[in-house]
Amino acid sequence: MRYTPAGLPAIDLVLEHASTCQEAGQARQVQASVKAVALGSVAERVQIQPVGSVWRFSGFLATPKNGKNVILHIQEFKTP
């Protein structure tokens, strides 16, 4: 947990995704890692979740000032 200059709680994390989907009639394993950030009360709630637990996140994607990759800004999360 860190705090913004305005004193708002913030947490940076990496979300891992793994699933199977159908592509061209074949099963395909999908894996992805996404950088994410949560602020305020959402950051405080994320911090107490066990590492490796399963959640469904919602929010928006944004490109940071350095222009590398995208970051998911988590606005809410719940169990799937």
PDB file of N, CA and C in Angstrom:
ATOM      1  N   MET A   1       0.857  -1.177   0.000  1.00  0.00           N
ATOM      2  CA  MET A   1       0.000   0.000   0.000  1.00  0.00           C
ATOM      3  C   MET A   1       0.893   1.227   0.000  1.00  0.00           C
ATOM      4  N   ARG A   2       0.523   2.170  -0.810  1.00  0.00           N
ATOM      5  CA  ARG A   2       1.199   3.462  -0.824  1.00  0.00           C
ATOM      6  C   ARG A   2       0.117   4.530  -0.738  1.00  0.00           C
ATOM      7  N   TYR A   3       0.528   5.766  -0.630  1.00  0.00           N
ATOM      8  CA  TYR A   3      -0.426   6.869  -0.547  1.00  0.00           C
ATOM      9  C   TYR A   3      -0.064   7.929  -1.567  1.00  0.00           C
ATOM     10  N   THR A   4      -1.055   8.472  -2.244  1.00  0.00           N
ATOM     11  CA  THR A   4      -0.837   9.536  -3.215  1.00  0.00           C
ATOM     12  C   THR A   4      -0.451  10.808  -2.465  1.00  0.00           C
ATOM     13  N   PRO A   5       0.062  11.822  -3.166  1.00  0.00           N
ATOM     14  CA  PRO A   5       0.371  13.086  -2.497  1.00  0.00           C
ATOM     15  C   PRO A   5      -0.838  13.700  -1.776  1.00  0.00           C
ATOM     16  N   ALA A   6      -2.045  13.366  -2.232  1.00  0.00           N
ATOM     17  CA  ALA A   6      -3.263  13.862  -1.587  1.00  0.00           C
ATOM     18  C   ALA A   6      -3.678  12.996  -0.400  1.00  0.00           C
ATOM     19  N   GLY A   7      -2.894  11.927  -0.117  1.00  0.00           N
ATOM     20  CA  GLY A   7      -3.189  11.070   1.016  1.00  0.00           C
ATOM     21  C   GLY A   7      -4.137   9.926   0.720  1.00  0.00           C
ATOM     22  N   LEU A   8      -4.453   9.696  -0.554  1.00  0.00           N
ATOM     23  CA  LEU A   8      -5.367   8.636  -0.957  1.00  0.00           C
ATOM     24  C   LEU A   8      -4.628   7.294  -1.008  1.00  0.00           C
ATOM     25  N   PRO A   9      -5.169   6.229  -0.393  1.00  0.00           N
ATOM     26  CA  PRO A   9      -4.517   4.921  -0.468  1.00  0.00           C
ATOM     27  C   PRO A   9      -4.489   4.424  -1.918  1.00  0.00           C
ATOM     28  N   ALA A  10      -3.386   3.799  -2.301  1.00  0.00           N
ATOM     29  CA  ALA A  10      -3.239   3.253  -3.653  1.00  0.00           C
ATOM     30  C   ALA A  10      -2.448   1.957  -3.571  1.00  0.00           C
ATOM     31  N   ILE A  11      -2.781   1.012  -4.438  1.00  0.00           N
ATOM     32  CA  ILE A  11      -2.036  -0.242  -4.488  1.00  0.00           C
ATOM     33  C   ILE A  11      -1.838  -0.631  -5.948  1.00  0.00           C
ATOM     34  N   ASP A  12      -0.599  -0.987  -6.292  1.00  0.00           N
ATOM     35  CA  ASP A  12      -0.258  -1.456  -7.628  1.00  0.00           C
ATOM     36  C   ASP A  12      -0.184  -2.974  -7.574  1.00  0.00           C
ATOM     37  N   LEU A  13      -0.721  -3.635  -8.590  1.00  0.00           N
ATOM     38  CA  LEU A  13      -0.694  -5.088  -8.604  1.00  0.00           C
ATOM     39  C   LEU A  13      -0.662  -5.603 -10.028  1.00  0.00           C
ATOM     40  N   VAL A  14      -0.419  -6.896 -10.154  1.00  0.00           N
ATOM     41  CA  VAL A  14      -0.457  -7.573 -11.447  1.00  0.00           C
ATOM     42  C   VAL A  14      -1.535  -8.646 -11.357  1.00  0.00           C
ATOM     43  N   LEU A  15      -2.476  -8.613 -12.289  1.00  0.00           N
ATOM     44  CA  LEU A  15      -3.544  -9.604 -12.348  1.00  0.00           C
ATOM     45  C   LEU A  15      -3.146 -10.682 -13.346  1.00  0.00           C
ATOM     46  N   GLU A  16      -3.338 -11.922 -12.966  1.00  0.00           N
ATOM     47  CA  GLU A  16      -3.028 -13.062 -13.828  1.00  0.00           C
ATOM     48  C   GLU A  16      -4.346 -13.687 -14.290  1.00  0.00           C
ATOM     49  N   HIS A  17      -4.436 -13.971 -15.573  1.00  0.00           N
ATOM     50  CA  HIS A  17      -5.628 -14.592 -16.146  1.00  0.00           C
ATOM     51  C   HIS A  17      -5.234 -15.887 -16.839  1.00  0.00           C
ATOM     52  N   ALA A  18      -6.045 -16.937 -16.670  1.00  0.00           N
ATOM     53  CA  ALA A  18      -5.864 -18.197 -17.392  1.00  0.00           C
ATOM     54  C   ALA A  18      -7.239 -18.776 -17.684  1.00  0.00           C
ATOM     55  N   SER A  19      -7.459 -19.181 -18.938  1.00  0.00           N
ATOM     56  CA  SER A  19      -8.728 -19.787 -19.313  1.00  0.00           C
ATOM     57  C   SER A  19      -8.548 -20.593 -20.591  1.00  0.00           C
ATOM     58  N   THR A  20      -9.619 -21.255 -20.990  1.00  0.00           N
ATOM     59  CA  THR A  20      -9.652 -21.987 -22.249  1.00  0.00           C
ATOM     60  C   THR A  20     -10.795 -21.431 -23.077  1.00  0.00           C
ATOM     61  N   CYS A  21     -10.549 -21.206 -24.363  1.00  0.00           N
ATOM     62  CA  CYS A  21     -11.602 -20.723 -25.252  1.00  0.00           C
ATOM     63  C   CYS A  21     -11.522 -21.491 -26.567  1.00  0.00           C
ATOM     64  N   GLN A  22     -12.526 -21.313 -27.388  1.00  0.00           N
ATOM     65  CA  GLN A  22     -12.561 -21.956 -28.702  1.00  0.00           C
ATOM     66  C   GLN A  22     -12.111 -20.963 -29.763  1.00  0.00           C
ATOM     67  N   GLU A  23     -11.192 -21.398 -30.618  1.00  0.00           N
ATOM     68  CA  GLU A  23     -10.751 -20.569 -31.737  1.00  0.00           C
ATOM     69  C   GLU A  23     -10.628 -21.471 -32.954  1.00  0.00           C
ATOM     70  N   ALA A  24     -11.350 -21.145 -34.003  1.00  0.00           N
ATOM     71  CA  ALA A  24     -11.357 -21.938 -35.234  1.00  0.00           C
ATOM     72  C   ALA A  24     -11.672 -23.402 -34.950  1.00  0.00           C
ATOM     73  N   GLY A  25     -12.607 -23.635 -34.015  1.00  0.00           N
ATOM     74  CA  GLY A  25     -13.026 -24.986 -33.694  1.00  0.00           C
ATOM     75  C   GLY A  25     -12.079 -25.776 -32.811  1.00  0.00           C
ATOM     76  N   GLN A  26     -11.027 -25.140 -32.329  1.00  0.00           N
ATOM     77  CA  GLN A  26     -10.038 -25.806 -31.486  1.00  0.00           C
ATOM     78  C   GLN A  26      -9.982 -25.135 -30.114  1.00  0.00           C
ATOM     79  N   ALA A  27      -9.730 -25.959 -29.090  1.00  0.00           N
ATOM     80  CA  ALA A  27      -9.555 -25.394 -27.750  1.00  0.00           C
ATOM     81  C   ALA A  27      -8.208 -24.688 -27.678  1.00  0.00           C
ATOM     82  N   ARG A  28      -8.197 -23.531 -27.077  1.00  0.00           N
ATOM     83  CA  ARG A  28      -6.961 -22.759 -26.949  1.00  0.00           C
ATOM     84  C   ARG A  28      -6.795 -22.311 -25.509  1.00  0.00           C
ATOM     85  N   GLN A  29      -5.604 -22.525 -24.970  1.00  0.00           N
ATOM     86  CA  GLN A  29      -5.270 -22.057 -23.621  1.00  0.00           C
ATOM     87  C   GLN A  29      -4.877 -20.583 -23.715  1.00  0.00           C
ATOM     88  N   VAL A  30      -5.469 -19.752 -22.876  1.00  0.00           N
ATOM     89  CA  VAL A  30      -5.182 -18.324 -22.878  1.00  0.00           C
ATOM     90  C   VAL A  30      -4.603 -17.941 -21.523  1.00  0.00           C
ATOM     91  N   GLN A  31      -3.485 -17.239 -21.542  1.00  0.00           N
ATOM     92  CA  GLN A  31      -2.877 -16.722 -20.315  1.00  0.00           C
ATOM     93  C   GLN A  31      -2.456 -15.286 -20.560  1.00  0.00           C
ATOM     94  N   ALA A  32      -2.657 -14.438 -19.563  1.00  0.00           N
ATOM     95  CA  ALA A  32      -2.285 -13.030 -19.696  1.00  0.00           C
ATOM     96  C   ALA A  32      -1.989 -12.442 -18.323  1.00  0.00           C
ATOM     97  N   SER A  33      -1.097 -11.471 -18.303  1.00  0.00           N
ATOM     98  CA  SER A  33      -0.803 -10.686 -17.100  1.00  0.00           C
ATOM     99  C   SER A  33      -1.114  -9.234 -17.420  1.00  0.00           C
ATOM    100  N   VAL A  34      -1.797  -8.566 -16.499  1.00  0.00           N
ATOM    101  CA  VAL A  34      -2.182  -7.168 -16.697  1.00  0.00           C
ATOM    102  C   VAL A  34      -1.801  -6.374 -15.461  1.00  0.00           C
ATOM    103  N   LYS A  35      -1.091  -5.270 -15.667  1.00  0.00           N
ATOM    104  CA  LYS A  35      -0.801  -4.371 -14.547  1.00  0.00           C
ATOM    105  C   LYS A  35      -2.087  -3.650 -14.172  1.00  0.00           C
ATOM    106  N   ALA A  36      -2.262  -3.421 -12.873  1.00  0.00           N
ATOM    107  CA  ALA A  36      -3.483  -2.775 -12.392  1.00  0.00           C
ATOM    108  C   ALA A  36      -3.165  -1.864 -11.213  1.00  0.00           C
ATOM    109  N   VAL A  37      -4.079  -0.949 -10.945  1.00  0.00           N
ATOM    110  CA  VAL A  37      -3.978  -0.053  -9.798  1.00  0.00           C
ATOM    111  C   VAL A  37      -5.372   0.117  -9.214  1.00  0.00           C
ATOM    112  N   ALA A  38      -5.430   0.217  -7.895  1.00  0.00           N
ATOM    113  CA  ALA A  38      -6.687   0.494  -7.201  1.00  0.00           C
ATOM    114  C   ALA A  38      -6.444   1.666  -6.254  1.00  0.00           C
ATOM    115  N   LEU A  39      -7.442   2.508  -6.105  1.00  0.00           N
ATOM    116  CA  LEU A  39      -7.326   3.706  -5.263  1.00  0.00           C
ATOM    117  C   LEU A  39      -8.437   3.742  -4.221  1.00  0.00           C
ATOM    118  N   GLY A  40      -8.178   4.443  -3.135  1.00  0.00           N
ATOM    119  CA  GLY A  40      -9.197   4.679  -2.115  1.00  0.00           C
ATOM    120  C   GLY A  40      -9.642   3.424  -1.396  1.00  0.00           C
ATOM    121  N   SER A  41     -10.948   3.336  -1.155  1.00  0.00           N
ATOM    122  CA  SER A  41     -11.495   2.199  -0.418  1.00  0.00           C
ATOM    123  C   SER A  41     -11.321   0.891  -1.181  1.00  0.00           C
ATOM    124  N   VAL A  42     -11.303   0.957  -2.516  1.00  0.00           N
ATOM    125  CA  VAL A  42     -11.078  -0.259  -3.309  1.00  0.00           C
ATOM    126  C   VAL A  42      -9.671  -0.786  -3.040  1.00  0.00           C
ATOM    127  N   ALA A  43      -8.678   0.086  -2.947  1.00  0.00           N
ATOM    128  CA  ALA A  43      -7.304  -0.328  -2.636  1.00  0.00           C
ATOM    129  C   ALA A  43      -7.237  -0.994  -1.267  1.00  0.00           C
ATOM    130  N   GLU A  44      -7.939  -0.448  -0.304  1.00  0.00           N
ATOM    131  CA  GLU A  44      -7.950  -1.035   1.044  1.00  0.00           C
ATOM    132  C   GLU A  44      -8.588  -2.420   1.034  1.00  0.00           C
ATOM    133  N   ARG A  45      -9.642  -2.610   0.234  1.00  0.00           N
ATOM    134  CA  ARG A  45     -10.288  -3.922   0.129  1.00  0.00           C
ATOM    135  C   ARG A  45      -9.417  -4.923  -0.612  1.00  0.00           C
ATOM    136  N   VAL A  46      -8.746  -4.479  -1.692  1.00  0.00           N
ATOM    137  CA  VAL A  46      -7.863  -5.367  -2.461  1.00  0.00           C
ATOM    138  C   VAL A  46      -6.711  -5.853  -1.588  1.00  0.00           C
ATOM    139  N   GLN A  47      -6.169  -4.981  -0.785  1.00  0.00           N
ATOM    140  CA  GLN A  47      -4.993  -5.301   0.030  1.00  0.00           C
ATOM    141  C   GLN A  47      -5.220  -6.498   0.948  1.00  0.00           C
ATOM    142  N   ILE A  48      -6.421  -6.696   1.437  1.00  0.00           N
ATOM    143  CA  ILE A  48      -6.667  -7.769   2.407  1.00  0.00           C
ATOM    144  C   ILE A  48      -7.063  -9.102   1.754  1.00  0.00           C
ATOM    145  N   GLN A  49      -7.133  -9.133   0.406  1.00  0.00           N
ATOM    146  CA  GLN A  49      -7.481 -10.374  -0.283  1.00  0.00           C
ATOM    147  C   GLN A  49      -6.259 -11.287  -0.368  1.00  0.00           C
ATOM    148  N   PRO A  50      -6.455 -12.602  -0.218  1.00  0.00           N
ATOM    149  CA  PRO A  50      -5.326 -13.521  -0.312  1.00  0.00           C
ATOM    150  C   PRO A  50      -4.739 -13.551  -1.725  1.00  0.00           C
ATOM    151  N   VAL A  51      -3.420 -13.615  -1.815  1.00  0.00           N
ATOM    152  CA  VAL A  51      -2.750 -13.749  -3.105  1.00  0.00           C
ATOM    153  C   VAL A  51      -3.205 -15.062  -3.735  1.00  0.00           C
ATOM    154  N   GLY A  52      -3.536 -15.028  -5.011  1.00  0.00           N
ATOM    155  CA  GLY A  52      -3.979 -16.218  -5.718  1.00  0.00           C
ATOM    156  C   GLY A  52      -5.477 -16.446  -5.684  1.00  0.00           C
ATOM    157  N   SER A  53      -6.219 -15.607  -4.964  1.00  0.00           N
ATOM    158  CA  SER A  53      -7.675 -15.778  -4.923  1.00  0.00           C
ATOM    159  C   SER A  53      -8.276 -15.313  -6.254  1.00  0.00           C
ATOM    160  N   VAL A  54      -9.496 -15.757  -6.528  1.00  0.00           N
ATOM    161  CA  VAL A  54     -10.147 -15.493  -7.812  1.00  0.00           C
ATOM    162  C   VAL A  54     -11.190 -14.389  -7.648  1.00  0.00           C
ATOM    163  N   TRP A  55     -11.114 -13.381  -8.538  1.00  0.00           N
ATOM    164  CA  TRP A  55     -12.022 -12.235  -8.479  1.00  0.00           C
ATOM    165  C   TRP A  55     -12.392 -11.799  -9.878  1.00  0.00           C
ATOM    166  N   ARG A  56     -13.473 -11.060  -9.980  1.00  0.00           N
ATOM    167  CA  ARG A  56     -13.885 -10.437 -11.234  1.00  0.00           C
ATOM    168  C   ARG A  56     -13.735  -8.930 -11.045  1.00  0.00           C
ATOM    169  N   PHE A  57     -12.898  -8.316 -11.870  1.00  0.00           N
ATOM    170  CA  PHE A  57     -12.595  -6.890 -11.742  1.00  0.00           C
ATOM    171  C   PHE A  57     -13.305  -6.092 -12.822  1.00  0.00           C
ATOM    172  N   SER A  58     -13.697  -4.877 -12.490  1.00  0.00           N
ATOM    173  CA  SER A  58     -14.227  -3.950 -13.486  1.00  0.00           C
ATOM    174  C   SER A  58     -13.552  -2.603 -13.274  1.00  0.00           C
ATOM    175  N   GLY A  59     -13.442  -1.861 -14.355  1.00  0.00           N
ATOM    176  CA  GLY A  59     -12.779  -0.563 -14.309  1.00  0.00           C
ATOM    177  C   GLY A  59     -12.533  -0.070 -15.722  1.00  0.00           C
ATOM    178  N   PHE A  60     -11.412   0.601 -15.921  1.00  0.00           N
ATOM    179  CA  PHE A  60     -11.092   1.110 -17.253  1.00  0.00           C
ATOM    180  C   PHE A  60      -9.603   0.958 -17.520  1.00  0.00           C
ATOM    181  N   LEU A  61      -9.247   0.890 -18.808  1.00  0.00           N
ATOM    182  CA  LEU A  61      -7.853   0.792 -19.226  1.00  0.00           C
ATOM    183  C   LEU A  61      -7.335   2.171 -19.577  1.00  0.00           C
ATOM    184  N   ALA A  62      -6.095   2.437 -19.198  1.00  0.00           N
ATOM    185  CA  ALA A  62      -5.465   3.712 -19.526  1.00  0.00           C
ATOM    186  C   ALA A  62      -3.985   3.477 -19.791  1.00  0.00           C
ATOM    187  N   THR A  63      -3.412   4.320 -20.628  1.00  0.00           N
ATOM    188  CA  THR A  63      -1.987   4.268 -20.903  1.00  0.00           C
ATOM    189  C   THR A  63      -1.292   5.270 -19.980  1.00  0.00           C
ATOM    190  N   PRO A  64      -0.250   4.831 -19.257  1.00  0.00           N
ATOM    191  CA  PRO A  64       0.450   5.769 -18.373  1.00  0.00           C
ATOM    192  C   PRO A  64       1.205   6.830 -19.174  1.00  0.00           C
ATOM    193  N   LYS A  65       1.694   7.828 -18.478  1.00  0.00           N
ATOM    194  CA  LYS A  65       2.396   8.939 -19.123  1.00  0.00           C
ATOM    195  C   LYS A  65       3.591   8.486 -19.946  1.00  0.00           C
ATOM    196  N   ASN A  66       4.271   7.409 -19.507  1.00  0.00           N
ATOM    197  CA  ASN A  66       5.433   6.938 -20.264  1.00  0.00           C
ATOM    198  C   ASN A  66       5.031   6.182 -21.530  1.00  0.00           C
ATOM    199  N   GLY A  67       3.731   5.912 -21.724  1.00  0.00           N
ATOM    200  CA  GLY A  67       3.231   5.311 -22.941  1.00  0.00           C
ATOM    201  C   GLY A  67       3.478   3.824 -23.087  1.00  0.00           C
ATOM    202  N   LYS A  68       3.953   3.153 -22.051  1.00  0.00           N
ATOM    203  CA  LYS A  68       4.226   1.724 -22.129  1.00  0.00           C
ATOM    204  C   LYS A  68       3.039   0.939 -21.586  1.00  0.00           C
ATOM    205  N   ASN A  69       2.618  -0.088 -22.347  1.00  0.00           N
ATOM    206  CA  ASN A  69       1.545  -0.981 -21.925  1.00  0.00           C
ATOM    207  C   ASN A  69       0.277  -0.220 -21.543  1.00  0.00           C
ATOM    208  N   VAL A  70      -0.664  -0.916 -20.972  1.00  0.00           N
ATOM    209  CA  VAL A  70      -1.875  -0.309 -20.430  1.00  0.00           C
ATOM    210  C   VAL A  70      -2.006  -0.748 -18.977  1.00  0.00           C
ATOM    211  N   ILE A  71      -2.743   0.011 -18.207  1.00  0.00           N
ATOM    212  CA  ILE A  71      -2.982  -0.307 -16.805  1.00  0.00           C
ATOM    213  C   ILE A  71      -4.489  -0.339 -16.586  1.00  0.00           C
ATOM    214  N   LEU A  72      -4.950  -1.394 -15.917  1.00  0.00           N
ATOM    215  CA  LEU A  72      -6.360  -1.478 -15.540  1.00  0.00           C
ATOM    216  C   LEU A  72      -6.558  -0.704 -14.246  1.00  0.00           C
ATOM    217  N   HIS A  73      -7.401   0.301 -14.276  1.00  0.00           N
ATOM    218  CA  HIS A  73      -7.754   1.060 -13.080  1.00  0.00           C
ATOM    219  C   HIS A  73      -8.994   0.395 -12.494  1.00  0.00           C
ATOM    220  N   ILE A  74      -8.798  -0.315 -11.390  1.00  0.00           N
ATOM    221  CA  ILE A  74      -9.883  -1.099 -10.793  1.00  0.00           C
ATOM    222  C   ILE A  74     -10.850  -0.165 -10.068  1.00  0.00           C
ATOM    223  N   GLN A  75     -12.115  -0.256 -10.447  1.00  0.00           N
ATOM    224  CA  GLN A  75     -13.140   0.525  -9.786  1.00  0.00           C
ATOM    225  C   GLN A  75     -14.021  -0.323  -8.878  1.00  0.00           C
ATOM    226  N   GLU A  76     -14.065  -1.639  -9.157  1.00  0.00           N
ATOM    227  CA  GLU A  76     -14.856  -2.553  -8.337  1.00  0.00           C
ATOM    228  C   GLU A  76     -14.371  -3.960  -8.570  1.00  0.00           C
ATOM    229  N   PHE A  77     -14.584  -4.837  -7.593  1.00  0.00           N
ATOM    230  CA  PHE A  77     -14.297  -6.256  -7.782  1.00  0.00           C
ATOM    231  C   PHE A  77     -15.230  -7.068  -6.918  1.00  0.00           C
ATOM    232  N   LYS A  78     -15.465  -8.310  -7.358  1.00  0.00           N
ATOM    233  CA  LYS A  78     -16.354  -9.222  -6.632  1.00  0.00           C
ATOM    234  C   LYS A  78     -15.964 -10.641  -6.988  1.00  0.00           C
ATOM    235  N   THR A  79     -16.525 -11.592  -6.232  1.00  0.00           N
ATOM    236  CA  THR A  79     -16.274 -12.993  -6.543  1.00  0.00           C
ATOM    237  C   THR A  79     -17.014 -13.340  -7.830  1.00  0.00           C
ATOM    238  N   PRO A  80     -16.457 -14.244  -8.620  1.00  0.00           N
ATOM    239  CA  PRO A  80     -17.111 -14.601  -9.897  1.00  0.00           C
ATOM    240  C   PRO A  80     -18.406 -15.366  -9.709  1.00  0.00           C
TER     241      PRO A  80
END
